[in-house]
Amino acid sequence: METIELVFLASLLIFFISSVFFYVAGKDKNNLNSAFLVSFITLISYVLMWQGGLTVLTAAGQPIFWTRWLFYGASCPLLMYEIAQLKNIKGHKLVELLYLTAIVMFTGFLAAFNLSEIRWIYFGISSAAYVLLFSKIISLNTKDSQWVNSYIIFGWTAFPVIFLLAPTGLGLIATVLAESLYLVLDIYTKIVFNIRLGRTS
């Protein structure tokens, strides 16, 4: 069995367990169980990547699993909604954060899918939208949400760095290492974060 398959199988197991955990933990609550939805969406994303097929190959023969970014387009706005709730962000400011998150992920998908030089334009747009999103979130602090800033700095900001180093960008690291790093970040940003959020709320 190839190493990349082992990474995806580990991902399936981890996010299956977390989906069950968050479903059980949130089933008696009246609010949206976004922790379960984020985990379950991520699980389906890893099933699709493990299945293979929907990839593009670089000139060096490295596969790019571009579907990851489409599923981020569904899970990350939910995470941003959770962050906004914690920071008491509502109305047009919340809408702005959600569409900026969607722009970051969709242009990330375009940059991952396209192997021509135009991918750098998409990456630039995605990065600019992320910097704007990042600055807005960091500037909106409440007493109970300062830890979220560290979560974004060390969690979300690492994704475009890996994107840049991986075959999607400069190709300085191979797909297996990139996917392993993405898994670690997914665990941190989607599981660890929601466990911490559950303890805070």
Protein backbone atom coordinates (compact mmCIF):
# COMPACT_ATOMS: atom_id res chain seq x y z
CA MET A 1 0.00 0.00 0.00
CA GLU A 2 1.36 3.42 -0.95
CA THR A 3 2.19 5.98 1.73
CA ILE A 4 -0.39 8.44 0.44
CA GLU A 5 -3.11 5.81 0.87
CA LEU A 6 -2.03 5.28 4.47
CA VAL A 7 -2.29 9.03 5.08
CA PHE A 8 -5.82 9.08 3.68
CA LEU A 9 -6.87 5.94 5.58
CA ALA A 10 -5.63 7.51 8.81
CA SER A 11 -7.59 10.63 7.88
CA LEU A 12 -10.75 8.59 7.32
CA LEU A 13 -10.45 6.91 10.70
CA ILE A 14 -9.71 10.14 12.57
CA PHE A 15 -12.56 12.12 11.04
CA PHE A 16 -15.01 9.24 11.30
CA ILE A 17 -14.34 9.09 15.03
CA SER A 18 -14.54 12.87 15.39
CA SER A 19 -17.81 12.99 13.41
CA VAL A 20 -19.38 10.43 15.73
CA PHE A 21 -18.02 12.27 18.77
CA PHE A 22 -19.32 15.68 17.73
CA TYR A 23 -22.68 14.24 16.67
CA VAL A 24 -23.22 12.56 20.03
CA ALA A 25 -21.89 15.57 21.95
CA GLY A 26 -24.19 17.99 20.13
CA LYS A 27 -27.36 16.00 19.50
CA ASP A 28 -29.16 17.33 22.59
CA LYS A 29 -28.38 20.96 21.83
CA ASN A 30 -30.83 23.20 20.01
CA ASN A 31 -28.26 25.14 18.00
CA LEU A 32 -26.58 24.18 14.73
CA ASN A 33 -24.15 21.31 15.29
CA SER A 34 -21.47 22.92 13.15
CA ALA A 35 -18.67 20.88 14.75
CA PHE A 36 -20.26 17.69 13.44
CA LEU A 37 -20.89 19.22 10.01
CA VAL A 38 -17.28 20.41 9.68
CA SER A 39 -15.94 17.02 10.71
CA PHE A 40 -18.33 15.10 8.45
CA ILE A 41 -17.63 17.31 5.43
CA THR A 42 -13.91 16.73 6.01
CA LEU A 43 -14.53 12.98 6.25
CA ILE A 44 -16.27 12.97 2.86
CA SER A 45 -13.43 15.04 1.43
CA TYR A 46 -10.90 12.44 2.53
CA VAL A 47 -13.03 9.60 1.17
CA LEU A 48 -12.97 11.29 -2.22
CA MET A 49 -9.21 11.86 -2.08
CA TRP A 50 -8.60 8.27 -0.93
CA GLN A 51 -10.73 7.01 -3.83
CA GLY A 52 -8.44 8.93 -6.21
CA GLY A 53 -9.20 9.85 -9.79
CA LEU A 54 -10.07 13.52 -9.34
CA THR A 55 -6.49 14.78 -9.48
CA VAL A 56 -4.15 16.60 -11.80
CA LEU A 57 -0.51 15.62 -12.27
CA THR A 58 2.37 18.07 -12.27
CA ALA A 59 5.20 17.84 -14.79
CA ALA A 60 7.16 15.97 -12.11
CA GLY A 61 4.36 13.39 -11.81
CA GLN A 62 3.10 14.59 -8.43
CA PRO A 63 -0.70 14.33 -7.93
CA ILE A 64 -2.63 17.35 -6.74
CA PHE A 65 -5.85 16.57 -4.86
CA TRP A 66 -7.71 19.72 -5.85
CA THR A 67 -11.08 18.55 -4.46
CA ARG A 68 -9.74 19.35 -0.98
CA TRP A 69 -10.29 23.05 -1.62
CA LEU A 70 -13.87 22.60 -2.78
CA PHE A 71 -14.72 20.90 0.50
CA TYR A 72 -12.87 23.61 2.40
CA GLY A 73 -15.30 25.94 0.66
CA ALA A 74 -18.06 24.23 2.65
CA SER A 75 -16.32 23.54 5.98
CA CYS A 76 -14.33 26.75 6.46
CA PRO A 77 -17.32 29.15 6.31
CA LEU A 78 -18.84 27.00 9.07
CA LEU A 79 -15.65 27.42 11.10
CA MET A 80 -15.74 31.15 10.43
CA TYR A 81 -19.37 31.22 11.59
CA GLU A 82 -18.25 29.60 14.85
CA ILE A 83 -15.48 32.16 15.25
CA ALA A 84 -17.92 34.99 14.56
CA GLN A 85 -20.34 33.65 17.17
CA LEU A 86 -17.53 33.54 19.73
CA LYS A 87 -16.48 37.11 18.90
CA ASN A 88 -20.13 38.25 18.79
CA ILE A 89 -19.87 39.33 15.15
CA LYS A 90 -23.25 39.72 13.48
CA GLY A 91 -25.04 41.36 10.57
CA HIS A 92 -23.10 42.68 7.61
CA LYS A 93 -19.74 42.05 9.33
CA LEU A 94 -20.58 38.35 9.60
CA VAL A 95 -21.67 38.22 5.96
CA GLU A 96 -18.41 39.89 4.95
CA LEU A 97 -16.35 37.31 6.84
CA LEU A 98 -18.28 34.45 5.28
CA TYR A 99 -17.92 35.63 1.68
CA LEU A 100 -14.24 36.44 2.18
CA THR A 101 -13.73 32.89 3.47
CA ALA A 102 -15.55 31.51 0.44
CA ILE A 103 -13.39 33.62 -1.90
CA VAL A 104 -10.20 32.36 -0.24
CA MET A 105 -11.23 28.73 -0.68
CA PHE A 106 -12.65 29.01 -4.20
CA THR A 107 -9.63 30.82 -5.58
CA GLY A 108 -7.49 28.27 -3.73
CA PHE A 109 -9.30 25.57 -5.68
CA LEU A 110 -8.68 27.42 -8.95
CA ALA A 111 -4.98 27.73 -8.10
CA ALA A 112 -4.74 24.01 -7.25
CA PHE A 113 -6.63 22.85 -10.33
CA ASN A 114 -4.75 24.96 -12.86
CA LEU A 115 -1.12 24.01 -13.53
CA SER A 116 -0.37 26.97 -15.82
CA GLU A 117 1.21 30.21 -14.67
CA ILE A 118 -2.25 31.70 -14.15
CA ARG A 119 -2.42 29.73 -10.90
CA TRP A 120 -0.23 32.43 -9.35
CA ILE A 121 -2.91 35.01 -10.11
CA TYR A 122 -5.49 32.85 -8.32
CA PHE A 123 -3.06 32.27 -5.46
CA GLY A 124 -2.47 36.01 -5.23
CA ILE A 125 -6.20 36.74 -5.09
CA SER A 126 -6.69 34.02 -2.48
CA SER A 127 -3.81 35.35 -0.38
CA ALA A 128 -5.06 38.95 -0.59
CA ALA A 129 -8.56 37.87 0.48
CA TYR A 130 -7.04 35.89 3.35
CA VAL A 131 -4.95 38.83 4.56
CA LEU A 132 -8.10 40.99 4.55
CA LEU A 133 -10.05 38.26 6.37
CA PHE A 134 -7.22 37.75 8.86
CA SER A 135 -6.95 41.46 9.64
CA LYS A 136 -10.69 41.79 10.25
CA ILE A 137 -10.81 38.78 12.60
CA ILE A 138 -7.73 39.82 14.59
CA SER A 139 -9.06 43.35 15.06
CA LEU A 140 -12.35 42.13 16.55
CA ASN A 141 -11.50 40.96 20.06
CA THR A 142 -13.61 40.03 23.04
CA LYS A 143 -12.37 38.92 26.44
CA ASP A 144 -13.20 35.26 25.86
CA SER A 145 -11.95 35.00 22.28
CA GLN A 146 -8.33 36.14 22.31
CA TRP A 147 -7.17 32.52 22.00
CA VAL A 148 -8.85 32.40 18.58
CA ASN A 149 -6.23 34.79 17.21
CA SER A 150 -3.47 32.29 18.02
CA TYR A 151 -5.59 29.53 16.49
CA ILE A 152 -5.85 31.46 13.21
CA ILE A 153 -2.20 32.52 13.19
CA PHE A 154 -0.84 29.00 13.78
CA GLY A 155 -3.63 27.07 12.08
CA TRP A 156 -5.22 28.82 9.14
CA THR A 157 -2.11 30.74 8.08
CA ALA A 158 -0.14 27.51 7.69
CA PHE A 159 -2.40 26.31 4.85
CA PRO A 160 -1.24 28.82 2.19
CA VAL A 161 2.37 28.24 3.29
CA ILE A 162 2.03 24.50 2.60
CA PHE A 163 0.20 25.29 -0.63
CA LEU A 164 3.16 27.40 -1.70
CA LEU A 165 5.75 24.72 -0.82
CA ALA A 166 3.74 21.78 -2.22
CA PRO A 167 3.38 20.69 -5.88
CA THR A 168 0.51 23.20 -6.10
CA GLY A 169 3.14 25.95 -5.82
CA LEU A 170 6.92 25.77 -5.90
CA GLY A 171 7.10 21.99 -5.58
CA LEU A 172 9.69 22.05 -2.77
CA ILE A 173 7.93 19.23 -0.90
CA ALA A 174 6.23 16.12 -2.32
CA THR A 175 2.51 15.39 -2.26
CA VAL A 176 2.81 12.80 0.53
CA LEU A 177 4.44 15.27 2.90
CA ALA A 178 2.01 18.03 1.91
CA GLU A 179 -1.02 15.80 2.53
CA SER A 180 0.43 14.67 5.86
CA LEU A 181 0.86 18.30 6.91
CA TYR A 182 -2.66 19.13 5.74
CA LEU A 183 -3.95 16.28 7.91
CA VAL A 184 -2.19 17.66 10.98
CA LEU A 185 -3.66 21.09 10.25
CA ASP A 186 -7.13 19.65 9.67
CA ILE A 187 -6.97 17.93 13.05
CA TYR A 188 -5.89 21.16 14.72
CA THR A 189 -8.30 23.51 12.97
CA LYS A 190 -11.36 21.27 12.87
CA ILE A 191 -11.13 18.86 15.82
CA VAL A 192 -8.92 20.50 18.45
CA PHE A 193 -10.55 23.87 17.79
CA ASN A 194 -14.10 22.56 18.20
CA ILE A 195 -13.19 20.67 21.38
CA ARG A 196 -11.72 23.86 22.79
CA LEU A 197 -14.74 25.84 21.59
CA GLY A 198 -17.06 23.36 23.32
CA ARG A 199 -15.25 23.91 26.60
CA THR A 200 -15.42 27.67 26.17
CA SER A 201 -19.14 27.86 25.39
